C-alpha atoms as a PDB file:
ATOM      1  CA  MET A   1      -8.381 -34.992  15.709  1.00  0.00           C
ATOM      2  CA  ARG A   2      -6.263 -32.615  13.660  1.00  0.00           C
ATOM      3  CA  TYR A   3      -7.615 -29.585  11.852  1.00  0.00           C
ATOM      4  CA  GLU A   4      -5.880 -27.720   9.073  1.00  0.00           C
ATOM      5  CA  VAL A   5      -5.363 -24.058   9.882  1.00  0.00           C
ATOM      6  CA  PRO A   6      -5.604 -21.849   6.812  1.00  0.00           C
ATOM      7  CA  GLN A   7      -2.421 -20.024   5.919  1.00  0.00           C
ATOM      8  CA  PHE A   8      -2.137 -16.705   4.087  1.00  0.00           C
ATOM      9  CA  SER A   9      -5.738 -15.719   4.683  1.00  0.00           C
ATOM     10  CA  GLU A  10      -5.023 -12.104   3.634  1.00  0.00           C
ATOM     11  CA  VAL A  11      -4.075 -13.091   0.072  1.00  0.00           C
ATOM     12  CA  GLU A  12      -6.947 -12.836  -2.387  1.00  0.00           C
ATOM     13  CA  THR A  13      -7.577 -15.788  -4.671  1.00  0.00           C
ATOM     14  CA  LYS A  14      -6.439 -15.289  -8.241  1.00  0.00           C
ATOM     15  CA  ILE A  15      -9.418 -15.767 -10.517  1.00  0.00           C
ATOM     16  CA  VAL A  16      -8.395 -14.436 -13.950  1.00  0.00           C
ATOM     17  CA  GLY A  17      -4.706 -14.984 -14.674  1.00  0.00           C
ATOM     18  CA  PRO A  18      -2.587 -13.048 -12.181  1.00  0.00           C
ATOM     19  CA  PHE A  19      -5.560 -10.878 -11.102  1.00  0.00           C
ATOM     20  CA  SER A  20      -8.074 -11.317  -8.344  1.00  0.00           C
ATOM     21  CA  LEU A  21     -11.736 -10.827  -9.177  1.00  0.00           C
ATOM     22  CA  LYS A  22     -11.664  -7.294  -7.736  1.00  0.00           C
ATOM     23  CA  GLN A  23      -8.556  -6.301  -9.731  1.00  0.00           C
ATOM     24  CA  PHE A  24     -10.015  -7.754 -12.917  1.00  0.00           C
ATOM     25  CA  GLY A  25     -13.229  -5.818 -12.294  1.00  0.00           C
ATOM     26  CA  TYR A  26     -11.310  -2.549 -11.893  1.00  0.00           C
ATOM     27  CA  LEU A  27      -9.476  -3.132 -15.179  1.00  0.00           C
ATOM     28  CA  LEU A  28     -12.642  -4.230 -16.961  1.00  0.00           C
ATOM     29  CA  VAL A  29     -14.679  -1.198 -15.850  1.00  0.00           C
ATOM     30  CA  GLY A  30     -11.854   1.271 -16.513  1.00  0.00           C
ATOM     31  CA  GLY A  31     -11.105  -0.216 -19.936  1.00  0.00           C
ATOM     32  CA  GLY A  32     -14.805  -0.368 -20.791  1.00  0.00           C
ATOM     33  CA  LEU A  33     -15.361   3.295 -19.903  1.00  0.00           C
ATOM     34  CA  PHE A  34     -12.277   4.276 -21.896  1.00  0.00           C
ATOM     35  CA  TYR A  35     -13.570   2.328 -24.912  1.00  0.00           C
ATOM     36  CA  VAL A  36     -17.044   3.906 -24.671  1.00  0.00           C
ATOM     37  CA  LEU A  37     -15.473   7.372 -24.512  1.00  0.00           C
ATOM     38  CA  LEU A  38     -13.343   6.650 -27.575  1.00  0.00           C
ATOM     39  CA  LYS A  39     -16.371   5.510 -29.557  1.00  0.00           C
ATOM     40  CA  THR A  40     -18.738   8.320 -28.511  1.00  0.00           C
ATOM     41  CA  LEU A  41     -16.512  11.423 -28.294  1.00  0.00           C
ATOM     42  CA  ASN A  42     -13.895  12.829 -30.634  1.00  0.00           C
ATOM     43  CA  LEU A  43     -10.320  11.728 -29.957  1.00  0.00           C
ATOM     44  CA  LEU A  44      -9.209  14.832 -28.011  1.00  0.00           C
ATOM     45  CA  LEU A  45     -12.149  14.773 -25.583  1.00  0.00           C
ATOM     46  CA  ALA A  46     -11.960  11.011 -25.236  1.00  0.00           C
ATOM     47  CA  LEU A  47      -8.304  11.244 -24.267  1.00  0.00           C
ATOM     48  CA  LEU A  48      -8.948  14.206 -21.959  1.00  0.00           C
ATOM     49  CA  PHE A  49     -11.562  12.276 -19.967  1.00  0.00           C
ATOM     50  CA  GLY A  50     -10.398   8.715 -20.619  1.00  0.00           C
ATOM     51  CA  VAL A  51      -6.770   8.941 -19.499  1.00  0.00           C
ATOM     52  CA  PRO A  52      -7.628   9.900 -15.895  1.00  0.00           C
ATOM     53  CA  ILE A  53     -10.235   7.119 -15.789  1.00  0.00           C
ATOM     54  CA  ALA A  54      -7.746   4.596 -17.101  1.00  0.00           C
ATOM     55  CA  ALA A  55      -5.071   5.861 -14.668  1.00  0.00           C
ATOM     56  CA  LEU A  56      -7.500   5.456 -11.758  1.00  0.00           C
ATOM     57  CA  ALA A  57      -8.330   1.915 -12.896  1.00  0.00           C
ATOM     58  CA  VAL A  58      -4.640   0.998 -13.111  1.00  0.00           C
ATOM     59  CA  ALA A  59      -3.965   2.596  -9.705  1.00  0.00           C
ATOM     60  CA  LEU A  60      -6.883   0.702  -8.121  1.00  0.00           C
ATOM     61  CA  THR A  61      -5.547  -2.516  -9.630  1.00  0.00           C
ATOM     62  CA  PHE A  62      -1.804  -2.319  -8.904  1.00  0.00           C
ATOM     63  CA  LEU A  63      -0.960   0.510  -6.473  1.00  0.00           C
ATOM     64  CA  LYS A  64      -0.360  -0.170  -2.770  1.00  0.00           C
ATOM     65  CA  ILE A  65       0.495   2.526  -0.235  1.00  0.00           C
ATOM     66  CA  ASN A  66       2.093   1.323   2.992  1.00  0.00           C
ATOM     67  CA  GLY A  67       0.887  -2.213   2.228  1.00  0.00           C
ATOM     68  CA  GLN A  68      -2.741  -1.053   1.810  1.00  0.00           C
ATOM     69  CA  PRO A  69      -4.547  -1.314  -1.540  1.00  0.00           C
ATOM     70  CA  PHE A  70      -5.241   2.040  -3.171  1.00  0.00           C
ATOM     71  CA  ALA A  71      -8.989   1.436  -2.923  1.00  0.00           C
ATOM     72  CA  THR A  72      -8.696   1.289   0.871  1.00  0.00           C
ATOM     73  CA  VAL A  73      -6.539   4.432   0.997  1.00  0.00           C
ATOM     74  CA  LEU A  74      -9.004   6.255  -1.282  1.00  0.00           C
ATOM     75  CA  ARG A  75     -12.016   5.184   0.802  1.00  0.00           C
ATOM     76  CA  ASN A  76     -10.296   6.225   4.051  1.00  0.00           C
ATOM     77  CA  GLY A  77      -9.398   9.587   2.529  1.00  0.00           C
ATOM     78  CA  PHE A  78     -12.991  10.248   1.500  1.00  0.00           C
ATOM     79  CA  GLN A  79     -14.257   9.192   4.945  1.00  0.00           C
ATOM     80  CA  PHE A  80     -11.776  11.539   6.619  1.00  0.00           C
ATOM     81  CA  VAL A  81     -12.897  14.464   4.507  1.00  0.00           C
ATOM     82  CA  LEU A  82     -16.652  13.829   4.725  1.00  0.00           C
ATOM     83  CA  ARG A  83     -17.152  12.667   8.301  1.00  0.00           C
ATOM     84  CA  PRO A  84     -17.346  15.126  11.172  1.00  0.00           C
ATOM     85  CA  LYS A  85     -14.197  15.488  13.211  1.00  0.00           C
ATOM     86  CA  PHE A  86     -14.235  14.511  16.855  1.00  0.00           C
ATOM     87  CA  TYR A  87     -11.922  16.559  19.040  1.00  0.00           C
ATOM     88  CA  ILE A  88     -11.059  15.653  22.590  1.00  0.00           C
ATOM     89  CA  TRP A  89     -10.298  18.496  24.936  1.00  0.00           C
ATOM     90  CA  LYS A  90      -7.201  17.966  27.004  1.00  0.00           C
ATOM     91  CA  LYS A  91      -6.737  20.032  30.113  1.00  0.00           C
ATOM     92  CA  GLU A  92      -3.422  21.841  30.083  1.00  0.00           C
ATOM     93  CA  LEU A  93      -1.063  20.969  32.855  1.00  0.00           C
ATOM     94  CA  PRO A  94      -0.072  23.813  35.121  1.00  0.00           C
ATOM     95  CA  LYS A  95       3.080  25.516  34.009  1.00  0.00           C
ATOM     96  CA  ILE A  96       6.104  24.796  36.138  1.00  0.00           C
ATOM     97  CA  LYS A  97       7.595  27.874  37.644  1.00  0.00           C
ATOM     98  CA  THR A  98      11.270  28.062  36.860  1.00  0.00           C
ATOM     99  CA  VAL A  99      13.664  29.709  39.247  1.00  0.00           C
ATOM    100  CA  THR A 100      16.765  31.278  37.820  1.00  0.00           C
ATOM    101  CA  TYR A 101      19.657  32.257  39.984  1.00  0.00           C
ATOM    102  CA  GLY A 102      21.300  35.544  39.199  1.00  0.00           C
ATOM    103  CA  GLU A 103      25.015  35.996  39.024  1.00  0.00           C
ATOM    104  CA  GLU A 104      26.704  36.451  42.356  1.00  0.00           C
ATOM    105  CA  GLU A 105      27.347  40.054  43.342  1.00  0.00           C
ATOM    106  CA  GLN A 106      30.953  40.984  44.167  1.00  0.00           C
END
């Protein structure tokens, strides 16, 4: 009996156009927050708060760092900052005594 082995299991399924469900959600939430800010605040405040939100949404959707999605990089960065650090003590090796030979006396 032959079984089909799935190929490209790391590629997310495209749900809405060229976007996966996660990417579409990032754009939808970022665009929605930007729209709400534009409708509730004056233009200057809406742009002041909305542009970073929109930039974060676009970065979460499209940006990859070293082949990792930006969401993964951001989560790992927060975990690194918030979690306690675990240091391992390494015993120092004994220093090697070096012998230097002086110049020959004449």
